[in-house]
Amino acid sequence: MPGKENMTFIYLSGAGTNPDGRQWWMKIKGATEQYIAQAGFRHAFAYRPAFMRWAKGQRRIQKMQYWFIPFYPITRLFGGANSMTEVALSMIACSRNGYPKFAIGPRDITRLALL
């Protein structure tokens, strides 16, 4: 792809991604992350959110989300949850300013959303 040296690539992966993991999805996502990291983009990031709360006004929310929402404040307290709005804002901040880490977890997402 010509011009990729000037591009930022953000891959939405997920918590628990590991190329040496026991489950096939961990391995596939981990291998994909490694490929993206070596692809030659100016900036490349692997987003690994854990639990995301839907954004205000969002439609088509999965029914299982309603069962997990009571645990959101507790998960948020321990740094394992973000809102969809935070994820979007952090992606914009990452694209503009970069970030020193390749794998961006829930705490990093919160930190970037505030920039």
PDB file of N, CA and C in Angstrom:
ATOM      1  N   MET A   1       0.851  -1.168   0.000  1.00  0.00           N
ATOM      2  CA  MET A   1       0.000   0.000   0.000  1.00  0.00           C
ATOM      3  C   MET A   1       0.900   1.235   0.000  1.00  0.00           C
ATOM      4  N   PRO A   2       0.844   2.020  -1.044  1.00  0.00           N
ATOM      5  CA  PRO A   2       1.702   3.205  -1.088  1.00  0.00           C
ATOM      6  C   PRO A   2       1.247   4.252  -0.073  1.00  0.00           C
ATOM      7  N   GLY A   3       2.207   4.894   0.538  1.00  0.00           N
ATOM      8  CA  GLY A   3       1.910   5.966   1.486  1.00  0.00           C
ATOM      9  C   GLY A   3       1.602   5.512   2.892  1.00  0.00           C
ATOM     10  N   LYS A   4       1.734   4.230   3.172  1.00  0.00           N
ATOM     11  CA  LYS A   4       1.397   3.756   4.504  1.00  0.00           C
ATOM     12  C   LYS A   4       2.383   4.233   5.565  1.00  0.00           C
ATOM     13  N   GLU A   5       3.531   4.735   5.142  1.00  0.00           N
ATOM     14  CA  GLU A   5       4.505   5.267   6.092  1.00  0.00           C
ATOM     15  C   GLU A   5       3.969   6.517   6.797  1.00  0.00           C
ATOM     16  N   ASN A   6       2.923   7.112   6.241  1.00  0.00           N
ATOM     17  CA  ASN A   6       2.318   8.306   6.821  1.00  0.00           C
ATOM     18  C   ASN A   6       0.978   8.016   7.493  1.00  0.00           C
ATOM     19  N   MET A   7       0.579   6.753   7.548  1.00  0.00           N
ATOM     20  CA  MET A   7      -0.743   6.378   8.073  1.00  0.00           C
ATOM     21  C   MET A   7      -0.668   5.825   9.490  1.00  0.00           C
ATOM     22  N   THR A   8      -1.809   5.905  10.160  1.00  0.00           N
ATOM     23  CA  THR A   8      -1.989   5.271  11.458  1.00  0.00           C
ATOM     24  C   THR A   8      -2.999   4.150  11.288  1.00  0.00           C
ATOM     25  N   PHE A   9      -2.667   2.964  11.803  1.00  0.00           N
ATOM     26  CA  PHE A   9      -3.554   1.804  11.712  1.00  0.00           C
ATOM     27  C   PHE A   9      -3.966   1.417  13.117  1.00  0.00           C
ATOM     28  N   ILE A  10      -5.267   1.369  13.364  1.00  0.00           N
ATOM     29  CA  ILE A  10      -5.790   0.965  14.668  1.00  0.00           C
ATOM     30  C   ILE A  10      -6.591  -0.313  14.476  1.00  0.00           C
ATOM     31  N   TYR A  11      -6.174  -1.357  15.170  1.00  0.00           N
ATOM     32  CA  TYR A  11      -6.826  -2.664  15.102  1.00  0.00           C
ATOM     33  C   TYR A  11      -7.574  -2.893  16.404  1.00  0.00           C
ATOM     34  N   LEU A  12      -8.863  -3.074  16.336  1.00  0.00           N
ATOM     35  CA  LEU A  12      -9.671  -3.331  17.525  1.00  0.00           C
ATOM     36  C   LEU A  12      -9.625  -4.827  17.795  1.00  0.00           C
ATOM     37  N   SER A  13      -8.838  -5.189  18.762  1.00  0.00           N
ATOM     38  CA  SER A  13      -8.581  -6.595  19.059  1.00  0.00           C
ATOM     39  C   SER A  13      -9.466  -7.046  20.214  1.00  0.00           C
ATOM     40  N   GLY A  14      -8.961  -7.076  21.403  1.00  0.00           N
ATOM     41  CA  GLY A  14      -9.747  -7.481  22.562  1.00  0.00           C
ATOM     42  C   GLY A  14      -8.846  -7.943  23.691  1.00  0.00           C
ATOM     43  N   ALA A  15      -9.350  -7.880  24.892  1.00  0.00           N
ATOM     44  CA  ALA A  15      -8.587  -8.317  26.059  1.00  0.00           C
ATOM     45  C   ALA A  15      -8.305  -9.805  25.963  1.00  0.00           C
ATOM     46  N   GLY A  16      -7.140 -10.207  26.410  1.00  0.00           N
ATOM     47  CA  GLY A  16      -6.784 -11.618  26.399  1.00  0.00           C
ATOM     48  C   GLY A  16      -6.101 -12.085  25.135  1.00  0.00           C
ATOM     49  N   THR A  17      -5.835 -11.184  24.203  1.00  0.00           N
ATOM     50  CA  THR A  17      -5.186 -11.560  22.959  1.00  0.00           C
ATOM     51  C   THR A  17      -3.742 -11.957  23.225  1.00  0.00           C
ATOM     52  N   ASN A  18      -3.340 -13.091  22.653  1.00  0.00           N
ATOM     53  CA  ASN A  18      -2.002 -13.602  22.892  1.00  0.00           C
ATOM     54  C   ASN A  18      -1.661 -14.609  21.796  1.00  0.00           C
ATOM     55  N   PRO A  19      -0.549 -14.378  21.053  1.00  0.00           N
ATOM     56  CA  PRO A  19      -0.217 -15.339  19.986  1.00  0.00           C
ATOM     57  C   PRO A  19       0.148 -16.723  20.512  1.00  0.00           C
ATOM     58  N   ASP A  20       0.479 -16.825  21.779  1.00  0.00           N
ATOM     59  CA  ASP A  20       0.814 -18.120  22.383  1.00  0.00           C
ATOM     60  C   ASP A  20      -0.321 -18.644  23.258  1.00  0.00           C
ATOM     61  N   GLY A  21      -1.513 -18.065  23.110  1.00  0.00           N
ATOM     62  CA  GLY A  21      -2.661 -18.450  23.931  1.00  0.00           C
ATOM     63  C   GLY A  21      -3.143 -19.867  23.649  1.00  0.00           C
ATOM     64  N   ARG A  22      -4.007 -20.343  24.530  1.00  0.00           N
ATOM     65  CA  ARG A  22      -4.527 -21.706  24.391  1.00  0.00           C
ATOM     66  C   ARG A  22      -5.701 -21.799  23.434  1.00  0.00           C
ATOM     67  N   GLN A  23      -6.448 -20.711  23.294  1.00  0.00           N
ATOM     68  CA  GLN A  23      -7.631 -20.749  22.432  1.00  0.00           C
ATOM     69  C   GLN A  23      -7.295 -20.198  21.054  1.00  0.00           C
ATOM     70  N   TRP A  24      -7.992 -20.702  20.031  1.00  0.00           N
ATOM     71  CA  TRP A  24      -7.674 -20.332  18.658  1.00  0.00           C
ATOM     72  C   TRP A  24      -7.869 -18.848  18.385  1.00  0.00           C
ATOM     73  N   TRP A  25      -8.893 -18.218  18.989  1.00  0.00           N
ATOM     74  CA  TRP A  25      -9.132 -16.805  18.726  1.00  0.00           C
ATOM     75  C   TRP A  25      -8.014 -15.946  19.296  1.00  0.00           C
ATOM     76  N   MET A  26      -7.426 -16.375  20.422  1.00  0.00           N
ATOM     77  CA  MET A  26      -6.290 -15.646  20.991  1.00  0.00           C
ATOM     78  C   MET A  26      -5.106 -15.675  20.023  1.00  0.00           C
ATOM     79  N   LYS A  27      -4.854 -16.842  19.463  1.00  0.00           N
ATOM     80  CA  LYS A  27      -3.730 -17.018  18.550  1.00  0.00           C
ATOM     81  C   LYS A  27      -3.910 -16.219  17.269  1.00  0.00           C
ATOM     82  N   ILE A  28      -5.109 -16.266  16.716  1.00  0.00           N
ATOM     83  CA  ILE A  28      -5.368 -15.565  15.457  1.00  0.00           C
ATOM     84  C   ILE A  28      -5.256 -14.054  15.649  1.00  0.00           C
ATOM     85  N   LYS A  29      -5.880 -13.539  16.699  1.00  0.00           N
ATOM     86  CA  LYS A  29      -5.791 -12.097  16.951  1.00  0.00           C
ATOM     87  C   LYS A  29      -4.368 -11.680  17.276  1.00  0.00           C
ATOM     88  N   GLY A  30      -3.646 -12.509  18.024  1.00  0.00           N
ATOM     89  CA  GLY A  30      -2.250 -12.207  18.345  1.00  0.00           C
ATOM     90  C   GLY A  30      -1.375 -12.183  17.104  1.00  0.00           C
ATOM     91  N   ALA A  31      -1.581 -13.139  16.215  1.00  0.00           N
ATOM     92  CA  ALA A  31      -0.815 -13.170  14.962  1.00  0.00           C
ATOM     93  C   ALA A  31      -1.151 -11.962  14.092  1.00  0.00           C
ATOM     94  N   THR A  32      -2.413 -11.571  14.078  1.00  0.00           N
ATOM     95  CA  THR A  32      -2.832 -10.393  13.313  1.00  0.00           C
ATOM     96  C   THR A  32      -2.173  -9.142  13.873  1.00  0.00           C
ATOM     97  N   GLU A  33      -2.133  -9.022  15.202  1.00  0.00           N
ATOM     98  CA  GLU A  33      -1.474  -7.873  15.828  1.00  0.00           C
ATOM     99  C   GLU A  33       0.000  -7.817  15.450  1.00  0.00           C
ATOM    100  N   GLN A  34       0.682  -8.957  15.472  1.00  0.00           N
ATOM    101  CA  GLN A  34       2.102  -8.979  15.110  1.00  0.00           C
ATOM    102  C   GLN A  34       2.311  -8.564  13.657  1.00  0.00           C
ATOM    103  N   TYR A  35       1.439  -9.019  12.775  1.00  0.00           N
ATOM    104  CA  TYR A  35       1.545  -8.653  11.364  1.00  0.00           C
ATOM    105  C   TYR A  35       1.359  -7.148  11.184  1.00  0.00           C
ATOM    106  N   ILE A  36       0.379  -6.583  11.861  1.00  0.00           N
ATOM    107  CA  ILE A  36       0.110  -5.146  11.749  1.00  0.00           C
ATOM    108  C   ILE A  36       1.279  -4.339  12.301  1.00  0.00           C
ATOM    109  N   ALA A  37       1.856  -4.793  13.413  1.00  0.00           N
ATOM    110  CA  ALA A  37       2.987  -4.089  14.026  1.00  0.00           C
ATOM    111  C   ALA A  37       4.186  -4.026  13.081  1.00  0.00           C
ATOM    112  N   GLN A  38       4.340  -5.033  12.235  1.00  0.00           N
ATOM    113  CA  GLN A  38       5.485  -5.110  11.336  1.00  0.00           C
ATOM    114  C   GLN A  38       5.159  -4.650   9.916  1.00  0.00           C
ATOM    115  N   ALA A  39       3.974  -4.129   9.684  1.00  0.00           N
ATOM    116  CA  ALA A  39       3.527  -3.799   8.330  1.00  0.00           C
ATOM    117  C   ALA A  39       4.105  -2.493   7.784  1.00  0.00           C
ATOM    118  N   GLY A  40       4.739  -1.673   8.628  1.00  0.00           N
ATOM    119  CA  GLY A  40       5.384  -0.467   8.127  1.00  0.00           C
ATOM    120  C   GLY A  40       4.548   0.799   8.208  1.00  0.00           C
ATOM    121  N   PHE A  41       3.513   0.802   9.025  1.00  0.00           N
ATOM    122  CA  PHE A  41       2.730   2.022   9.216  1.00  0.00           C
ATOM    123  C   PHE A  41       3.488   2.983  10.136  1.00  0.00           C
ATOM    124  N   ARG A  42       3.204   4.278  10.000  1.00  0.00           N
ATOM    125  CA  ARG A  42       3.833   5.269  10.876  1.00  0.00           C
ATOM    126  C   ARG A  42       3.521   4.960  12.332  1.00  0.00           C
ATOM    127  N   HIS A  43       2.248   4.766  12.628  1.00  0.00           N
ATOM    128  CA  HIS A  43       1.797   4.336  13.948  1.00  0.00           C
ATOM    129  C   HIS A  43       0.850   3.156  13.753  1.00  0.00           C
ATOM    130  N   ALA A  44       0.976   2.165  14.602  1.00  0.00           N
ATOM    131  CA  ALA A  44       0.049   1.025  14.590  1.00  0.00           C
ATOM    132  C   ALA A  44      -0.285   0.701  16.033  1.00  0.00           C
ATOM    133  N   PHE A  45      -1.572   0.497  16.300  1.00  0.00           N
ATOM    134  CA  PHE A  45      -2.023   0.234  17.660  1.00  0.00           C
ATOM    135  C   PHE A  45      -3.011  -0.923  17.677  1.00  0.00           C
ATOM    136  N   ALA A  46      -2.925  -1.726  18.718  1.00  0.00           N
ATOM    137  CA  ALA A  46      -3.877  -2.813  18.944  1.00  0.00           C
ATOM    138  C   ALA A  46      -4.710  -2.445  20.159  1.00  0.00           C
ATOM    139  N   TYR A  47      -5.950  -2.143  19.940  1.00  0.00           N
ATOM    140  CA  TYR A  47      -6.852  -1.795  21.041  1.00  0.00           C
ATOM    141  C   TYR A  47      -7.379  -3.074  21.660  1.00  0.00           C
ATOM    142  N   ARG A  48      -7.262  -3.173  22.986  1.00  0.00           N
ATOM    143  CA  ARG A  48      -7.706  -4.357  23.710  1.00  0.00           C
ATOM    144  C   ARG A  48      -8.697  -3.983  24.805  1.00  0.00           C
ATOM    145  N   PRO A  49      -9.873  -3.504  24.422  1.00  0.00           N
ATOM    146  CA  PRO A  49     -10.866  -3.201  25.454  1.00  0.00           C
ATOM    147  C   PRO A  49     -11.404  -4.486  26.071  1.00  0.00           C
ATOM    148  N   ALA A  50     -11.880  -4.371  27.297  1.00  0.00           N
ATOM    149  CA  ALA A  50     -12.435  -5.542  27.983  1.00  0.00           C
ATOM    150  C   ALA A  50     -13.958  -5.458  27.990  1.00  0.00           C
ATOM    151  N   PHE A  51     -14.497  -4.574  28.796  1.00  0.00           N
ATOM    152  CA  PHE A  51     -15.948  -4.418  28.910  1.00  0.00           C
ATOM    153  C   PHE A  51     -16.294  -3.008  28.473  1.00  0.00           C
ATOM    154  N   MET A  52     -17.159  -2.893  27.469  1.00  0.00           N
ATOM    155  CA  MET A  52     -17.541  -1.573  26.974  1.00  0.00           C
ATOM    156  C   MET A  52     -19.025  -1.326  27.215  1.00  0.00           C
ATOM    157  N   ARG A  53     -19.302  -0.162  27.744  1.00  0.00           N
ATOM    158  CA  ARG A  53     -20.686   0.252  27.923  1.00  0.00           C
ATOM    159  C   ARG A  53     -21.107   1.021  26.672  1.00  0.00           C
ATOM    160  N   TRP A  54     -22.321   0.819  26.260  1.00  0.00           N
ATOM    161  CA  TRP A  54     -22.804   1.457  25.042  1.00  0.00           C
ATOM    162  C   TRP A  54     -22.870   2.976  25.214  1.00  0.00           C
ATOM    163  N   ALA A  55     -22.874   3.677  24.106  1.00  0.00           N
ATOM    164  CA  ALA A  55     -22.944   5.131  24.094  1.00  0.00           C
ATOM    165  C   ALA A  55     -24.402   5.584  24.178  1.00  0.00           C
ATOM    166  N   LYS A  56     -24.596   6.766  24.695  1.00  0.00           N
ATOM    167  CA  LYS A  56     -25.946   7.318  24.802  1.00  0.00           C
ATOM    168  C   LYS A  56     -26.534   7.487  23.397  1.00  0.00           C
ATOM    169  N   GLY A  57     -27.733   7.001  23.214  1.00  0.00           N
ATOM    170  CA  GLY A  57     -28.397   7.080  21.922  1.00  0.00           C
ATOM    171  C   GLY A  57     -28.077   5.932  20.983  1.00  0.00           C
ATOM    172  N   GLN A  58     -27.224   5.026  21.400  1.00  0.00           N
ATOM    173  CA  GLN A  58     -26.851   3.891  20.551  1.00  0.00           C
ATOM    174  C   GLN A  58     -28.030   2.942  20.395  1.00  0.00           C
ATOM    175  N   ARG A  59     -28.183   2.419  19.223  1.00  0.00           N
ATOM    176  CA  ARG A  59     -29.253   1.471  18.939  1.00  0.00           C
ATOM    177  C   ARG A  59     -28.674   0.082  18.780  1.00  0.00           C
ATOM    178  N   ARG A  60     -29.545  -0.894  18.783  1.00  0.00           N
ATOM    179  CA  ARG A  60     -29.160  -2.296  18.574  1.00  0.00           C
ATOM    180  C   ARG A  60     -28.143  -2.782  19.602  1.00  0.00           C
ATOM    181  N   ILE A  61     -28.511  -2.692  20.822  1.00  0.00           N
ATOM    182  CA  ILE A  61     -27.678  -3.169  21.923  1.00  0.00           C
ATOM    183  C   ILE A  61     -28.031  -4.632  22.169  1.00  0.00           C
ATOM    184  N   GLN A  62     -27.016  -5.474  22.298  1.00  0.00           N
ATOM    185  CA  GLN A  62     -27.264  -6.888  22.537  1.00  0.00           C
ATOM    186  C   GLN A  62     -27.917  -7.077  23.901  1.00  0.00           C
ATOM    187  N   LYS A  63     -28.853  -8.004  23.959  1.00  0.00           N
ATOM    188  CA  LYS A  63     -29.610  -8.215  25.197  1.00  0.00           C
ATOM    189  C   LYS A  63     -28.727  -8.640  26.360  1.00  0.00           C
ATOM    190  N   MET A  64     -27.640  -9.365  26.092  1.00  0.00           N
ATOM    191  CA  MET A  64     -26.775  -9.797  27.188  1.00  0.00           C
ATOM    192  C   MET A  64     -26.089  -8.610  27.870  1.00  0.00           C
ATOM    193  N   GLN A  65     -25.950  -7.498  27.163  1.00  0.00           N
ATOM    194  CA  GLN A  65     -25.339  -6.310  27.755  1.00  0.00           C
ATOM    195  C   GLN A  65     -26.132  -5.821  28.970  1.00  0.00           C
ATOM    196  N   TYR A  66     -27.433  -5.977  28.920  1.00  0.00           N
ATOM    197  CA  TYR A  66     -28.267  -5.524  30.022  1.00  0.00           C
ATOM    198  C   TYR A  66     -28.000  -6.324  31.297  1.00  0.00           C
ATOM    199  N   TRP A  67     -27.565  -7.572  31.152  1.00  0.00           N
ATOM    200  CA  TRP A  67     -27.257  -8.399  32.320  1.00  0.00           C
ATOM    201  C   TRP A  67     -25.951  -7.979  32.975  1.00  0.00           C
ATOM    202  N   PHE A  68     -25.003  -7.465  32.172  1.00  0.00           N
ATOM    203  CA  PHE A  68     -23.688  -7.107  32.704  1.00  0.00           C
ATOM    204  C   PHE A  68     -23.610  -5.672  33.214  1.00  0.00           C
ATOM    205  N   ILE A  69     -24.556  -4.837  32.859  1.00  0.00           N
ATOM    206  CA  ILE A  69     -24.468  -3.420  33.196  1.00  0.00           C
ATOM    207  C   ILE A  69     -24.424  -3.150  34.711  1.00  0.00           C
ATOM    208  N   PRO A  70     -25.040  -3.956  35.584  1.00  0.00           N
ATOM    209  CA  PRO A  70     -24.889  -3.690  37.020  1.00  0.00           C
ATOM    210  C   PRO A  70     -23.437  -3.830  37.515  1.00  0.00           C
ATOM    211  N   PHE A  71     -22.621  -4.587  36.785  1.00  0.00           N
ATOM    212  CA  PHE A  71     -21.230  -4.781  37.181  1.00  0.00           C
ATOM    213  C   PHE A  71     -20.290  -3.721  36.612  1.00  0.00           C
ATOM    214  N   TYR A  72     -20.814  -2.853  35.755  1.00  0.00           N
ATOM    215  CA  TYR A  72     -19.986  -1.835  35.111  1.00  0.00           C
ATOM    216  C   TYR A  72     -19.261  -0.940  36.117  1.00  0.00           C
ATOM    217  N   PRO A  73     -19.937  -0.377  37.138  1.00  0.00           N
ATOM    218  CA  PRO A  73     -19.219   0.501  38.077  1.00  0.00           C
ATOM    219  C   PRO A  73     -18.075  -0.198  38.812  1.00  0.00           C
ATOM    220  N   ILE A  74     -18.277  -1.449  39.167  1.00  0.00           N
ATOM    221  CA  ILE A  74     -17.225  -2.192  39.873  1.00  0.00           C
ATOM    222  C   ILE A  74     -16.050  -2.454  38.926  1.00  0.00           C
ATOM    223  N   THR A  75     -16.357  -2.884  37.720  1.00  0.00           N
ATOM    224  CA  THR A  75     -15.313  -3.152  36.736  1.00  0.00           C
ATOM    225  C   THR A  75     -14.575  -1.871  36.387  1.00  0.00           C
ATOM    226  N   ARG A  76     -15.293  -0.790  36.295  1.00  0.00           N
ATOM    227  CA  ARG A  76     -14.707   0.518  35.995  1.00  0.00           C
ATOM    228  C   ARG A  76     -13.750   0.946  37.107  1.00  0.00           C
ATOM    229  N   LEU A  77     -14.142   0.684  38.340  1.00  0.00           N
ATOM    230  CA  LEU A  77     -13.317   1.040  39.497  1.00  0.00           C
ATOM    231  C   LEU A  77     -11.952   0.365  39.436  1.00  0.00           C
ATOM    232  N   PHE A  78     -11.913  -0.863  38.966  1.00  0.00           N
ATOM    233  CA  PHE A  78     -10.659  -1.606  38.888  1.00  0.00           C
ATOM    234  C   PHE A  78      -9.958  -1.446  37.541  1.00  0.00           C
ATOM    235  N   GLY A  79     -10.465  -0.565  36.688  1.00  0.00           N
ATOM    236  CA  GLY A  79      -9.796  -0.248  35.427  1.00  0.00           C
ATOM    237  C   GLY A  79     -10.026  -1.222  34.299  1.00  0.00           C
ATOM    238  N   GLY A  80     -11.116  -1.971  34.310  1.00  0.00           N
ATOM    239  CA  GLY A  80     -11.354  -2.947  33.261  1.00  0.00           C
ATOM    240  C   GLY A  80     -12.527  -2.635  32.369  1.00  0.00           C
ATOM    241  N   ALA A  81     -13.020  -1.395  32.391  1.00  0.00           N
ATOM    242  CA  ALA A  81     -14.205  -1.060  31.595  1.00  0.00           C
ATOM    243  C   ALA A  81     -14.072   0.340  31.007  1.00  0.00           C
ATOM    244  N   ASN A  82     -14.694   0.529  29.859  1.00  0.00           N
ATOM    245  CA  ASN A  82     -14.738   1.824  29.190  1.00  0.00           C
ATOM    246  C   ASN A  82     -16.088   2.000  28.534  1.00  0.00           C
ATOM    247  N   SER A  83     -16.405   3.238  28.228  1.00  0.00           N
ATOM    248  CA  SER A  83     -17.600   3.493  27.431  1.00  0.00           C
ATOM    249  C   SER A  83     -17.190   3.532  25.958  1.00  0.00           C
ATOM    250  N   MET A  84     -18.141   3.339  25.088  1.00  0.00           N
ATOM    251  CA  MET A  84     -17.870   3.404  23.650  1.00  0.00           C
ATOM    252  C   MET A  84     -17.363   4.789  23.269  1.00  0.00           C
ATOM    253  N   THR A  85     -17.870   5.815  23.939  1.00  0.00           N
ATOM    254  CA  THR A  85     -17.433   7.183  23.680  1.00  0.00           C
ATOM    255  C   THR A  85     -15.955   7.338  24.010  1.00  0.00           C
ATOM    256  N   GLU A  86     -15.519   6.759  25.141  1.00  0.00           N
ATOM    257  CA  GLU A  86     -14.107   6.817  25.507  1.00  0.00           C
ATOM    258  C   GLU A  86     -13.231   6.119  24.479  1.00  0.00           C
ATOM    259  N   VAL A  87     -13.679   4.998  23.998  1.00  0.00           N
ATOM    260  CA  VAL A  87     -12.910   4.265  22.997  1.00  0.00           C
ATOM    261  C   VAL A  87     -12.749   5.123  21.739  1.00  0.00           C
ATOM    262  N   ALA A  88     -13.822   5.747  21.297  1.00  0.00           N
ATOM    263  CA  ALA A  88     -13.767   6.592  20.101  1.00  0.00           C
ATOM    264  C   ALA A  88     -12.848   7.796  20.307  1.00  0.00           C
ATOM    265  N   LEU A  89     -12.987   8.478  21.445  1.00  0.00           N
ATOM    266  CA  LEU A  89     -12.137   9.642  21.727  1.00  0.00           C
ATOM    267  C   LEU A  89     -10.665   9.257  21.835  1.00  0.00           C
ATOM    268  N   SER A  90     -10.396   8.102  22.428  1.00  0.00           N
ATOM    269  CA  SER A  90      -9.004   7.673  22.560  1.00  0.00           C
ATOM    270  C   SER A  90      -8.409   7.312  21.206  1.00  0.00           C
ATOM    271  N   MET A  91      -9.215   6.775  20.299  1.00  0.00           N
ATOM    272  CA  MET A  91      -8.717   6.465  18.958  1.00  0.00           C
ATOM    273  C   MET A  91      -8.350   7.741  18.207  1.00  0.00           C
ATOM    274  N   ILE A  92      -9.152   8.765  18.384  1.00  0.00           N
ATOM    275  CA  ILE A  92      -8.841  10.054  17.746  1.00  0.00           C
ATOM    276  C   ILE A  92      -7.549  10.619  18.317  1.00  0.00           C
ATOM    277  N   ALA A  93      -7.399  10.571  19.643  1.00  0.00           N
ATOM    278  CA  ALA A  93      -6.184  11.077  20.288  1.00  0.00           C
ATOM    279  C   ALA A  93      -4.958  10.285  19.836  1.00  0.00           C
ATOM    280  N   CYS A  94      -5.109   8.986  19.706  1.00  0.00           N
ATOM    281  CA  CYS A  94      -4.006   8.126  19.251  1.00  0.00           C
ATOM    282  C   CYS A  94      -3.596   8.474  17.827  1.00  0.00           C
ATOM    283  N   SER A  95      -4.571   8.705  16.983  1.00  0.00           N
ATOM    284  CA  SER A  95      -4.283   9.032  15.585  1.00  0.00           C
ATOM    285  C   SER A  95      -3.570  10.368  15.463  1.00  0.00           C
ATOM    286  N   ARG A  96      -3.968  11.315  16.265  1.00  0.00           N
ATOM    287  CA  ARG A  96      -3.371  12.651  16.201  1.00  0.00           C
ATOM    288  C   ARG A  96      -1.986  12.704  16.825  1.00  0.00           C
ATOM    289  N   ASN A  97      -1.859  12.150  18.034  1.00  0.00           N
ATOM    290  CA  ASN A  97      -0.657  12.361  18.828  1.00  0.00           C
ATOM    291  C   ASN A  97       0.244  11.141  18.949  1.00  0.00           C
ATOM    292  N   GLY A  98      -0.245   9.970  18.589  1.00  0.00           N
ATOM    293  CA  GLY A  98       0.520   8.749  18.802  1.00  0.00           C
ATOM    294  C   GLY A  98       0.445   8.324  20.264  1.00  0.00           C
ATOM    295  N   TYR A  99       1.100   7.230  20.588  1.00  0.00           N
ATOM    296  CA  TYR A  99       1.137   6.718  21.958  1.00  0.00           C
ATOM    297  C   TYR A  99       2.339   5.806  22.059  1.00  0.00           C
ATOM    298  N   PRO A 100       3.032   5.795  23.194  1.00  0.00           N
ATOM    299  CA  PRO A 100       4.265   5.008  23.284  1.00  0.00           C
ATOM    300  C   PRO A 100       4.067   3.490  23.283  1.00  0.00           C
ATOM    301  N   LYS A 101       2.868   3.004  23.552  1.00  0.00           N
ATOM    302  CA  LYS A 101       2.628   1.565  23.604  1.00  0.00           C
ATOM    303  C   LYS A 101       1.879   1.095  22.356  1.00  0.00           C
ATOM    304  N   PHE A 102       2.139  -0.145  21.945  1.00  0.00           N
ATOM    305  CA  PHE A 102       1.421  -0.737  20.815  1.00  0.00           C
ATOM    306  C   PHE A 102       0.071  -1.303  21.268  1.00  0.00           C
ATOM    307  N   ALA A 103       0.089  -2.092  22.338  1.00  0.00           N
ATOM    308  CA  ALA A 103      -1.140  -2.702  22.863  1.00  0.00           C
ATOM    309  C   ALA A 103      -1.767  -1.757  23.871  1.00  0.00           C
ATOM    310  N   ILE A 104      -2.969  -1.302  23.570  1.00  0.00           N
ATOM    311  CA  ILE A 104      -3.639  -0.306  24.396  1.00  0.00           C
ATOM    312  C   ILE A 104      -4.806  -0.967  25.116  1.00  0.00           C
ATOM    313  N   GLY A 105      -4.689  -1.044  26.440  1.00  0.00           N
ATOM    314  CA  GLY A 105      -5.698  -1.678  27.279  1.00  0.00           C
ATOM    315  C   GLY A 105      -6.704  -0.687  27.828  1.00  0.00           C
ATOM    316  N   PRO A 106      -7.621  -1.148  28.686  1.00  0.00           N
ATOM    317  CA  PRO A 106      -8.678  -0.279  29.222  1.00  0.00           C
ATOM    318  C   PRO A 106      -8.174   0.954  29.971  1.00  0.00           C
ATOM    319  N   ARG A 107      -7.127   0.809  30.765  1.00  0.00           N
ATOM    320  CA  ARG A 107      -6.594   1.976  31.490  1.00  0.00           C
ATOM    321  C   ARG A 107      -5.978   2.989  30.538  1.00  0.00           C
ATOM    322  N   ASP A 108      -5.310   2.510  29.508  1.00  0.00           N
ATOM    323  CA  ASP A 108      -4.742   3.413  28.498  1.00  0.00           C
ATOM    324  C   ASP A 108      -5.842   4.124  27.729  1.00  0.00           C
ATOM    325  N   ILE A 109      -6.919   3.422  27.446  1.00  0.00           N
ATOM    326  CA  ILE A 109      -8.050   4.011  26.734  1.00  0.00           C
ATOM    327  C   ILE A 109      -8.630   5.167  27.549  1.00  0.00           C
ATOM    328  N   THR A 110      -8.793   4.956  28.842  1.00  0.00           N
ATOM    329  CA  THR A 110      -9.304   6.016  29.725  1.00  0.00           C
ATOM    330  C   THR A 110      -8.364   7.206  29.714  1.00  0.00           C
ATOM    331  N   ARG A 111      -7.074   6.958  29.807  1.00  0.00           N
ATOM    332  CA  ARG A 111      -6.068   8.024  29.835  1.00  0.00           C
ATOM    333  C   ARG A 111      -6.082   8.814  28.522  1.00  0.00           C
ATOM    334  N   LEU A 112      -6.157   8.116  27.403  1.00  0.00           N
ATOM    335  CA  LEU A 112      -6.161   8.783  26.105  1.00  0.00           C
ATOM    336  C   LEU A 112      -7.432   9.568  25.850  1.00  0.00           C
ATOM    337  N   ALA A 113      -8.562   9.096  26.361  1.00  0.00           N
ATOM    338  CA  ALA A 113      -9.834   9.792  26.138  1.00  0.00           C
ATOM    339  C   ALA A 113      -9.851  11.157  26.803  1.00  0.00           C
ATOM    340  N   LEU A 114      -9.049  11.328  27.814  1.00  0.00           N
ATOM    341  CA  LEU A 114      -9.001  12.611  28.524  1.00  0.00           C
ATOM    342  C   LEU A 114      -8.098  13.632  27.864  1.00  0.00           C
ATOM    343  N   LEU A 115      -7.317  13.206  26.865  1.00  0.00           N
ATOM    344  CA  LEU A 115      -6.400  14.138  26.186  1.00  0.00           C
ATOM    345  C   LEU A 115      -7.114  15.048  25.233  1.00  0.00           C
TER     346      LEU A 115
END
